[in-house]
Amino acid sequence: MNNIQTNNVLIAYTSTPEDHVSELCRDIYKYCGINFTYINDNPEYIGNDYADFSKKFYYNILLDDKAGFEGETDWLLVKNELIRVGEW
């Protein structure tokens, strides 16, 4: 068994209108077992001397159809990896 320490947060980066964000990201996804830490924000990483993330937040991995993410097949890969690292 690996003793991998993870410091992951799941952020919903959405263009959903603000009055529907809670319903979509907190209620519907939570019902499906997807719990977002933040929505359209990452207050854990403000920036440093070399980068300002006050208007564009920092992330390591982007899952988006415009970033080449294919939901029909890729969600299962994401789920399996989260199960593997104990985050699901």
PDB file of N, CA and C in Angstrom:
ATOM      1  N   MET A   1       0.838  -1.186   0.000  1.00  0.00           N
ATOM      2  CA  MET A   1       0.000   0.000   0.000  1.00  0.00           C
ATOM      3  C   MET A   1       0.875   1.239   0.000  1.00  0.00           C
ATOM      4  N   ASN A   2       0.624   2.140  -0.925  1.00  0.00           N
ATOM      5  CA  ASN A   2       1.365   3.400  -0.987  1.00  0.00           C
ATOM      6  C   ASN A   2       0.892   4.343   0.102  1.00  0.00           C
ATOM      7  N   ASN A   3       1.812   5.088   0.657  1.00  0.00           N
ATOM      8  CA  ASN A   3       1.462   6.140   1.610  1.00  0.00           C
ATOM      9  C   ASN A   3       1.547   7.482   0.901  1.00  0.00           C
ATOM     10  N   ILE A   4       0.764   7.640  -0.131  1.00  0.00           N
ATOM     11  CA  ILE A   4       0.776   8.858  -0.927  1.00  0.00           C
ATOM     12  C   ILE A   4      -0.059   9.917  -0.230  1.00  0.00           C
ATOM     13  N   GLN A   5       0.556  11.044   0.022  1.00  0.00           N
ATOM     14  CA  GLN A   5      -0.157  12.175   0.591  1.00  0.00           C
ATOM     15  C   GLN A   5      -0.682  13.029  -0.558  1.00  0.00           C
ATOM     16  N   THR A   6      -1.948  13.337  -0.533  1.00  0.00           N
ATOM     17  CA  THR A   6      -2.515  14.189  -1.576  1.00  0.00           C
ATOM     18  C   THR A   6      -3.026  15.475  -0.954  1.00  0.00           C
ATOM     19  N   ASN A   7      -2.916  16.511  -1.696  1.00  0.00           N
ATOM     20  CA  ASN A   7      -3.451  17.800  -1.298  1.00  0.00           C
ATOM     21  C   ASN A   7      -4.241  18.314  -2.487  1.00  0.00           C
ATOM     22  N   ASN A   8      -5.317  17.611  -2.781  1.00  0.00           N
ATOM     23  CA  ASN A   8      -6.110  17.931  -3.957  1.00  0.00           C
ATOM     24  C   ASN A   8      -7.396  18.622  -3.564  1.00  0.00           C
ATOM     25  N   VAL A   9      -7.798  19.545  -4.400  1.00  0.00           N
ATOM     26  CA  VAL A   9      -9.114  20.143  -4.276  1.00  0.00           C
ATOM     27  C   VAL A   9      -9.777  20.021  -5.643  1.00  0.00           C
ATOM     28  N   LEU A  10     -11.068  19.858  -5.632  1.00  0.00           N
ATOM     29  CA  LEU A  10     -11.829  19.764  -6.870  1.00  0.00           C
ATOM     30  C   LEU A  10     -12.596  21.065  -7.036  1.00  0.00           C
ATOM     31  N   ILE A  11     -12.299  21.760  -8.133  1.00  0.00           N
ATOM     32  CA  ILE A  11     -12.906  23.068  -8.384  1.00  0.00           C
ATOM     33  C   ILE A  11     -13.795  22.981  -9.620  1.00  0.00           C
ATOM     34  N   ALA A  12     -15.020  23.435  -9.483  1.00  0.00           N
ATOM     35  CA  ALA A  12     -15.902  23.561 -10.636  1.00  0.00           C
ATOM     36  C   ALA A  12     -15.641  24.927 -11.250  1.00  0.00           C
ATOM     37  N   TYR A  13     -15.130  24.917 -12.450  1.00  0.00           N
ATOM     38  CA  TYR A  13     -14.886  26.154 -13.181  1.00  0.00           C
ATOM     39  C   TYR A  13     -15.958  26.219 -14.249  1.00  0.00           C
ATOM     40  N   THR A  14     -16.999  26.974 -13.990  1.00  0.00           N
ATOM     41  CA  THR A  14     -18.197  26.897 -14.811  1.00  0.00           C
ATOM     42  C   THR A  14     -18.664  28.256 -15.299  1.00  0.00           C
ATOM     43  N   SER A  15     -19.318  28.238 -16.424  1.00  0.00           N
ATOM     44  CA  SER A  15     -19.953  29.454 -16.933  1.00  0.00           C
ATOM     45  C   SER A  15     -21.454  29.427 -16.634  1.00  0.00           C
ATOM     46  N   THR A  16     -21.867  28.495 -15.789  1.00  0.00           N
ATOM     47  CA  THR A  16     -23.263  28.406 -15.376  1.00  0.00           C
ATOM     48  C   THR A  16     -23.687  29.721 -14.722  1.00  0.00           C
ATOM     49  N   PRO A  17     -24.859  30.246 -15.070  1.00  0.00           N
ATOM     50  CA  PRO A  17     -25.316  31.482 -14.442  1.00  0.00           C
ATOM     51  C   PRO A  17     -25.319  31.353 -12.919  1.00  0.00           C
ATOM     52  N   GLU A  18     -24.934  32.412 -12.244  1.00  0.00           N
ATOM     53  CA  GLU A  18     -24.734  32.397 -10.791  1.00  0.00           C
ATOM     54  C   GLU A  18     -25.941  31.864 -10.027  1.00  0.00           C
ATOM     55  N   ASP A  19     -27.156  32.165 -10.501  1.00  0.00           N
ATOM     56  CA  ASP A  19     -28.343  31.714  -9.762  1.00  0.00           C
ATOM     57  C   ASP A  19     -28.601  30.214  -9.900  1.00  0.00           C
ATOM     58  N   HIS A  20     -27.848  29.517 -10.766  1.00  0.00           N
ATOM     59  CA  HIS A  20     -27.986  28.064 -10.917  1.00  0.00           C
ATOM     60  C   HIS A  20     -26.755  27.298 -10.449  1.00  0.00           C
ATOM     61  N   VAL A  21     -25.694  28.002 -10.078  1.00  0.00           N
ATOM     62  CA  VAL A  21     -24.448  27.343  -9.696  1.00  0.00           C
ATOM     63  C   VAL A  21     -24.655  26.424  -8.503  1.00  0.00           C
ATOM     64  N   SER A  22     -25.331  26.884  -7.473  1.00  0.00           N
ATOM     65  CA  SER A  22     -25.525  26.069  -6.283  1.00  0.00           C
ATOM     66  C   SER A  22     -26.299  24.804  -6.616  1.00  0.00           C
ATOM     67  N   GLU A  23     -27.367  24.952  -7.367  1.00  0.00           N
ATOM     68  CA  GLU A  23     -28.182  23.799  -7.740  1.00  0.00           C
ATOM     69  C   GLU A  23     -27.361  22.792  -8.528  1.00  0.00           C
ATOM     70  N   LEU A  24     -26.605  23.256  -9.509  1.00  0.00           N
ATOM     71  CA  LEU A  24     -25.834  22.355 -10.357  1.00  0.00           C
ATOM     72  C   LEU A  24     -24.641  21.761  -9.623  1.00  0.00           C
ATOM     73  N   CYS A  25     -23.789  22.609  -9.090  1.00  0.00           N
ATOM     74  CA  CYS A  25     -22.502  22.155  -8.565  1.00  0.00           C
ATOM     75  C   CYS A  25     -22.576  21.568  -7.168  1.00  0.00           C
ATOM     76  N   ARG A  26     -23.510  22.010  -6.376  1.00  0.00           N
ATOM     77  CA  ARG A  26     -23.578  21.482  -5.014  1.00  0.00           C
ATOM     78  C   ARG A  26     -24.613  20.382  -4.876  1.00  0.00           C
ATOM     79  N   ASP A  27     -25.727  20.496  -5.535  1.00  0.00           N
ATOM     80  CA  ASP A  27     -26.815  19.544  -5.348  1.00  0.00           C
ATOM     81  C   ASP A  27     -26.752  18.376  -6.326  1.00  0.00           C
ATOM     82  N   ILE A  28     -26.760  18.665  -7.608  1.00  0.00           N
ATOM     83  CA  ILE A  28     -26.800  17.604  -8.613  1.00  0.00           C
ATOM     84  C   ILE A  28     -25.514  16.788  -8.599  1.00  0.00           C
ATOM     85  N   TYR A  29     -24.354  17.449  -8.640  1.00  0.00           N
ATOM     86  CA  TYR A  29     -23.102  16.703  -8.642  1.00  0.00           C
ATOM     87  C   TYR A  29     -22.895  15.965  -7.322  1.00  0.00           C
ATOM     88  N   LYS A  30     -23.266  16.572  -6.204  1.00  0.00           N
ATOM     89  CA  LYS A  30     -23.108  15.906  -4.913  1.00  0.00           C
ATOM     90  C   LYS A  30     -23.947  14.632  -4.876  1.00  0.00           C
ATOM     91  N   TYR A  31     -25.127  14.675  -5.462  1.00  0.00           N
ATOM     92  CA  TYR A  31     -25.980  13.491  -5.547  1.00  0.00           C
ATOM     93  C   TYR A  31     -25.261  12.372  -6.302  1.00  0.00           C
ATOM     94  N   CYS A  32     -24.427  12.745  -7.258  1.00  0.00           N
ATOM     95  CA  CYS A  32     -23.670  11.761  -8.053  1.00  0.00           C
ATOM     96  C   CYS A  32     -22.333  11.400  -7.401  1.00  0.00           C
ATOM     97  N   GLY A  33     -22.062  11.918  -6.200  1.00  0.00           N
ATOM     98  CA  GLY A  33     -20.824  11.593  -5.502  1.00  0.00           C
ATOM     99  C   GLY A  33     -19.659  12.496  -5.835  1.00  0.00           C
ATOM    100  N   ILE A  34     -19.934  13.615  -6.505  1.00  0.00           N
ATOM    101  CA  ILE A  34     -18.880  14.565  -6.859  1.00  0.00           C
ATOM    102  C   ILE A  34     -19.020  15.774  -5.943  1.00  0.00           C
ATOM    103  N   ASN A  35     -18.023  15.989  -5.095  1.00  0.00           N
ATOM    104  CA  ASN A  35     -18.076  17.083  -4.127  1.00  0.00           C
ATOM    105  C   ASN A  35     -17.007  18.114  -4.448  1.00  0.00           C
ATOM    106  N   PHE A  36     -17.418  19.263  -4.908  1.00  0.00           N
ATOM    107  CA  PHE A  36     -16.483  20.331  -5.237  1.00  0.00           C
ATOM    108  C   PHE A  36     -16.051  21.058  -3.976  1.00  0.00           C
ATOM    109  N   THR A  37     -14.759  21.373  -3.898  1.00  0.00           N
ATOM    110  CA  THR A  37     -14.222  22.138  -2.780  1.00  0.00           C
ATOM    111  C   THR A  37     -14.535  23.617  -2.975  1.00  0.00           C
ATOM    112  N   TYR A  38     -14.362  24.088  -4.205  1.00  0.00           N
ATOM    113  CA  TYR A  38     -14.618  25.494  -4.537  1.00  0.00           C
ATOM    114  C   TYR A  38     -15.340  25.568  -5.873  1.00  0.00           C
ATOM    115  N   ILE A  39     -15.991  26.684  -6.114  1.00  0.00           N
ATOM    116  CA  ILE A  39     -16.653  26.930  -7.393  1.00  0.00           C
ATOM    117  C   ILE A  39     -16.130  28.253  -7.931  1.00  0.00           C
ATOM    118  N   ASN A  40     -15.514  28.196  -9.109  1.00  0.00           N
ATOM    119  CA  ASN A  40     -14.966  29.371  -9.795  1.00  0.00           C
ATOM    120  C   ASN A  40     -13.972  30.164  -8.942  1.00  0.00           C
ATOM    121  N   ASP A  41     -13.244  29.464  -8.084  1.00  0.00           N
ATOM    122  CA  ASP A  41     -12.316  30.153  -7.195  1.00  0.00           C
ATOM    123  C   ASP A  41     -11.324  29.145  -6.624  1.00  0.00           C
ATOM    124  N   ASN A  42     -10.110  29.600  -6.324  1.00  0.00           N
ATOM    125  CA  ASN A  42      -9.135  28.798  -5.589  1.00  0.00           C
ATOM    126  C   ASN A  42      -8.438  29.712  -4.583  1.00  0.00           C
ATOM    127  N   PRO A  43      -9.056  29.917  -3.423  1.00  0.00           N
ATOM    128  CA  PRO A  43      -8.464  30.820  -2.433  1.00  0.00           C
ATOM    129  C   PRO A  43      -7.207  30.258  -1.776  1.00  0.00           C
ATOM    130  N   GLU A  44      -6.881  28.991  -2.041  1.00  0.00           N
ATOM    131  CA  GLU A  44      -5.688  28.395  -1.435  1.00  0.00           C
ATOM    132  C   GLU A  44      -4.400  28.827  -2.121  1.00  0.00           C
ATOM    133  N   TYR A  45      -4.504  29.380  -3.332  1.00  0.00           N
ATOM    134  CA  TYR A  45      -3.304  29.792  -4.049  1.00  0.00           C
ATOM    135  C   TYR A  45      -3.520  31.186  -4.610  1.00  0.00           C
ATOM    136  N   ILE A  46      -3.008  32.176  -3.935  1.00  0.00           N
ATOM    137  CA  ILE A  46      -3.188  33.576  -4.342  1.00  0.00           C
ATOM    138  C   ILE A  46      -2.157  33.980  -5.395  1.00  0.00           C
ATOM    139  N   GLY A  47      -0.940  33.497  -5.258  1.00  0.00           N
ATOM    140  CA  GLY A  47       0.126  33.844  -6.188  1.00  0.00           C
ATOM    141  C   GLY A  47       1.427  34.057  -5.444  1.00  0.00           C
ATOM    142  N   ASN A  48       2.389  34.589  -6.165  1.00  0.00           N
ATOM    143  CA  ASN A  48       3.698  34.882  -5.577  1.00  0.00           C
ATOM    144  C   ASN A  48       4.341  36.018  -6.360  1.00  0.00           C
ATOM    145  N   ASP A  49       5.645  36.199  -6.215  1.00  0.00           N
ATOM    146  CA  ASP A  49       6.328  37.292  -6.913  1.00  0.00           C
ATOM    147  C   ASP A  49       6.316  37.125  -8.432  1.00  0.00           C
ATOM    148  N   TYR A  50       6.081  35.907  -8.907  1.00  0.00           N
ATOM    149  CA  TYR A  50       6.156  35.630 -10.341  1.00  0.00           C
ATOM    150  C   TYR A  50       4.805  35.433 -11.003  1.00  0.00           C
ATOM    151  N   ALA A  51       3.761  35.259 -10.201  1.00  0.00           N
ATOM    152  CA  ALA A  51       2.441  34.993 -10.776  1.00  0.00           C
ATOM    153  C   ALA A  51       1.350  35.633  -9.928  1.00  0.00           C
ATOM    154  N   ASP A  52       0.383  36.230 -10.590  1.00  0.00           N
ATOM    155  CA  ASP A  52      -0.757  36.852  -9.927  1.00  0.00           C
ATOM    156  C   ASP A  52      -2.012  36.073 -10.306  1.00  0.00           C
ATOM    157  N   PHE A  53      -2.596  35.382  -9.338  1.00  0.00           N
ATOM    158  CA  PHE A  53      -3.800  34.601  -9.603  1.00  0.00           C
ATOM    159  C   PHE A  53      -5.035  35.230  -8.975  1.00  0.00           C
ATOM    160  N   SER A  54      -5.024  36.543  -8.805  1.00  0.00           N
ATOM    161  CA  SER A  54      -6.176  37.215  -8.212  1.00  0.00           C
ATOM    162  C   SER A  54      -7.369  37.266  -9.169  1.00  0.00           C
ATOM    163  N   LYS A  55      -7.124  37.201 -10.474  1.00  0.00           N
ATOM    164  CA  LYS A  55      -8.214  37.235 -11.450  1.00  0.00           C
ATOM    165  C   LYS A  55      -8.349  35.923 -12.223  1.00  0.00           C
ATOM    166  N   LYS A  56      -7.295  35.153 -12.299  1.00  0.00           N
ATOM    167  CA  LYS A  56      -7.317  33.848 -12.970  1.00  0.00           C
ATOM    168  C   LYS A  56      -6.722  32.851 -11.994  1.00  0.00           C
ATOM    169  N   PHE A  57      -7.544  31.913 -11.501  1.00  0.00           N
ATOM    170  CA  PHE A  57      -7.047  31.055 -10.447  1.00  0.00           C
ATOM    171  C   PHE A  57      -6.127  29.952 -10.964  1.00  0.00           C
ATOM    172  N   TYR A  58      -5.325  29.440 -10.061  1.00  0.00           N
ATOM    173  CA  TYR A  58      -4.314  28.428 -10.363  1.00  0.00           C
ATOM    174  C   TYR A  58      -4.921  27.029 -10.315  1.00  0.00           C
ATOM    175  N   TYR A  59      -4.553  26.194 -11.283  1.00  0.00           N
ATOM    176  CA  TYR A  59      -4.927  24.779 -11.268  1.00  0.00           C
ATOM    177  C   TYR A  59      -3.849  23.983 -11.991  1.00  0.00           C
ATOM    178  N   ASN A  60      -3.736  22.722 -11.625  1.00  0.00           N
ATOM    179  CA  ASN A  60      -2.750  21.844 -12.248  1.00  0.00           C
ATOM    180  C   ASN A  60      -3.336  21.093 -13.437  1.00  0.00           C
ATOM    181  N   ILE A  61      -4.582  20.670 -13.318  1.00  0.00           N
ATOM    182  CA  ILE A  61      -5.210  19.838 -14.346  1.00  0.00           C
ATOM    183  C   ILE A  61      -6.536  20.468 -14.720  1.00  0.00           C
ATOM    184  N   LEU A  62      -6.775  20.604 -16.009  1.00  0.00           N
ATOM    185  CA  LEU A  62      -8.032  21.158 -16.510  1.00  0.00           C
ATOM    186  C   LEU A  62      -8.781  20.070 -17.265  1.00  0.00           C
ATOM    187  N   LEU A  63     -10.006  19.797 -16.844  1.00  0.00           N
ATOM    188  CA  LEU A  63     -10.861  18.841 -17.538  1.00  0.00           C
ATOM    189  C   LEU A  63     -11.950  19.643 -18.229  1.00  0.00           C
ATOM    190  N   ASP A  64     -11.830  19.782 -19.517  1.00  0.00           N
ATOM    191  CA  ASP A  64     -12.746  20.613 -20.277  1.00  0.00           C
ATOM    192  C   ASP A  64     -12.777  20.090 -21.702  1.00  0.00           C
ATOM    193  N   ASP A  65     -13.942  20.145 -22.327  1.00  0.00           N
ATOM    194  CA  ASP A  65     -14.006  19.679 -23.709  1.00  0.00           C
ATOM    195  C   ASP A  65     -13.090  20.488 -24.617  1.00  0.00           C
ATOM    196  N   LYS A  66     -12.843  21.726 -24.265  1.00  0.00           N
ATOM    197  CA  LYS A  66     -11.952  22.556 -25.078  1.00  0.00           C
ATOM    198  C   LYS A  66     -10.478  22.269 -24.773  1.00  0.00           C
ATOM    199  N   ALA A  67     -10.229  21.498 -23.710  1.00  0.00           N
ATOM    200  CA  ALA A  67      -8.864  21.094 -23.372  1.00  0.00           C
ATOM    201  C   ALA A  67      -8.624  19.642 -23.782  1.00  0.00           C
ATOM    202  N   GLY A  68      -9.519  19.083 -24.574  1.00  0.00           N
ATOM    203  CA  GLY A  68      -9.363  17.713 -25.047  1.00  0.00           C
ATOM    204  C   GLY A  68      -9.986  16.666 -24.146  1.00  0.00           C
ATOM    205  N   PHE A  69     -10.786  17.069 -23.180  1.00  0.00           N
ATOM    206  CA  PHE A  69     -11.436  16.129 -22.265  1.00  0.00           C
ATOM    207  C   PHE A  69     -12.678  15.549 -22.939  1.00  0.00           C
ATOM    208  N   GLU A  70     -12.740  14.232 -23.019  1.00  0.00           N
ATOM    209  CA  GLU A  70     -13.886  13.539 -23.612  1.00  0.00           C
ATOM    210  C   GLU A  70     -14.691  12.897 -22.491  1.00  0.00           C
ATOM    211  N   GLY A  71     -15.774  13.529 -22.099  1.00  0.00           N
ATOM    212  CA  GLY A  71     -16.563  13.063 -20.963  1.00  0.00           C
ATOM    213  C   GLY A  71     -17.058  11.639 -21.068  1.00  0.00           C
ATOM    214  N   GLU A  72     -17.401  11.193 -22.268  1.00  0.00           N
ATOM    215  CA  GLU A  72     -17.947   9.854 -22.449  1.00  0.00           C
ATOM    216  C   GLU A  72     -16.971   8.761 -22.002  1.00  0.00           C
ATOM    217  N   THR A  73     -15.679   9.029 -22.128  1.00  0.00           N
ATOM    218  CA  THR A  73     -14.681   8.023 -21.770  1.00  0.00           C
ATOM    219  C   THR A  73     -13.776   8.454 -20.626  1.00  0.00           C
ATOM    220  N   ASP A  74     -13.509   9.731 -20.498  1.00  0.00           N
ATOM    221  CA  ASP A  74     -12.499  10.203 -19.548  1.00  0.00           C
ATOM    222  C   ASP A  74     -12.977  10.278 -18.106  1.00  0.00           C
ATOM    223  N   TRP A  75     -14.294  10.445 -17.858  1.00  0.00           N
ATOM    224  CA  TRP A  75     -14.756  10.504 -16.474  1.00  0.00           C
ATOM    225  C   TRP A  75     -14.430   9.213 -15.736  1.00  0.00           C
ATOM    226  N   LEU A  76     -14.531   8.069 -16.415  1.00  0.00           N
ATOM    227  CA  LEU A  76     -14.213   6.795 -15.767  1.00  0.00           C
ATOM    228  C   LEU A  76     -12.735   6.753 -15.377  1.00  0.00           C
ATOM    229  N   LEU A  77     -11.861   7.266 -16.215  1.00  0.00           N
ATOM    230  CA  LEU A  77     -10.436   7.317 -15.885  1.00  0.00           C
ATOM    231  C   LEU A  77     -10.190   8.187 -14.660  1.00  0.00           C
ATOM    232  N   VAL A  78     -10.879   9.325 -14.586  1.00  0.00           N
ATOM    233  CA  VAL A  78     -10.737  10.222 -13.439  1.00  0.00           C
ATOM    234  C   VAL A  78     -11.245   9.523 -12.175  1.00  0.00           C
ATOM    235  N   LYS A  79     -12.406   8.917 -12.269  1.00  0.00           N
ATOM    236  CA  LYS A  79     -12.975   8.217 -11.113  1.00  0.00           C
ATOM    237  C   LYS A  79     -12.037   7.120 -10.626  1.00  0.00           C
ATOM    238  N   ASN A  80     -11.513   6.313 -11.530  1.00  0.00           N
ATOM    239  CA  ASN A  80     -10.620   5.228 -11.145  1.00  0.00           C
ATOM    240  C   ASN A  80      -9.354   5.749 -10.464  1.00  0.00           C
ATOM    241  N   GLU A  81      -8.819   6.859 -10.932  1.00  0.00           N
ATOM    242  CA  GLU A  81      -7.627   7.429 -10.310  1.00  0.00           C
ATOM    243  C   GLU A  81      -7.947   7.973  -8.915  1.00  0.00           C
ATOM    244  N   LEU A  82      -9.084   8.619  -8.764  1.00  0.00           N
ATOM    245  CA  LEU A  82      -9.481   9.119  -7.453  1.00  0.00           C
ATOM    246  C   LEU A  82      -9.719   7.971  -6.468  1.00  0.00           C
ATOM    247  N   ILE A  83     -10.281   6.880  -6.949  1.00  0.00           N
ATOM    248  CA  ILE A  83     -10.438   5.698  -6.094  1.00  0.00           C
ATOM    249  C   ILE A  83      -9.065   5.173  -5.702  1.00  0.00           C
ATOM    250  N   ARG A  84      -8.145   5.111  -6.656  1.00  0.00           N
ATOM    251  CA  ARG A  84      -6.813   4.585  -6.395  1.00  0.00           C
ATOM    252  C   ARG A  84      -6.070   5.373  -5.311  1.00  0.00           C
ATOM    253  N   VAL A  85      -6.221   6.699  -5.312  1.00  0.00           N
ATOM    254  CA  VAL A  85      -5.513   7.518  -4.332  1.00  0.00           C
ATOM    255  C   VAL A  85      -6.346   7.780  -3.072  1.00  0.00           C
ATOM    256  N   GLY A  86      -7.519   7.155  -2.982  1.00  0.00           N
ATOM    257  CA  GLY A  86      -8.344   7.278  -1.781  1.00  0.00           C
ATOM    258  C   GLY A  86      -9.100   8.580  -1.644  1.00  0.00           C
ATOM    259  N   GLU A  87      -9.357   9.245  -2.752  1.00  0.00           N
ATOM    260  CA  GLU A  87     -10.068  10.529  -2.718  1.00  0.00           C
ATOM    261  C   GLU A  87     -11.510  10.406  -3.199  1.00  0.00           C
ATOM    262  N   TRP A  88     -12.002   9.226  -3.553  1.00  0.00           N
ATOM    263  CA  TRP A  88     -13.366   9.062  -4.065  1.00  0.00           C
ATOM    264  C   TRP A  88     -14.281   8.654  -2.947  1.00  0.00           C
TER     265      TRP A  88
END
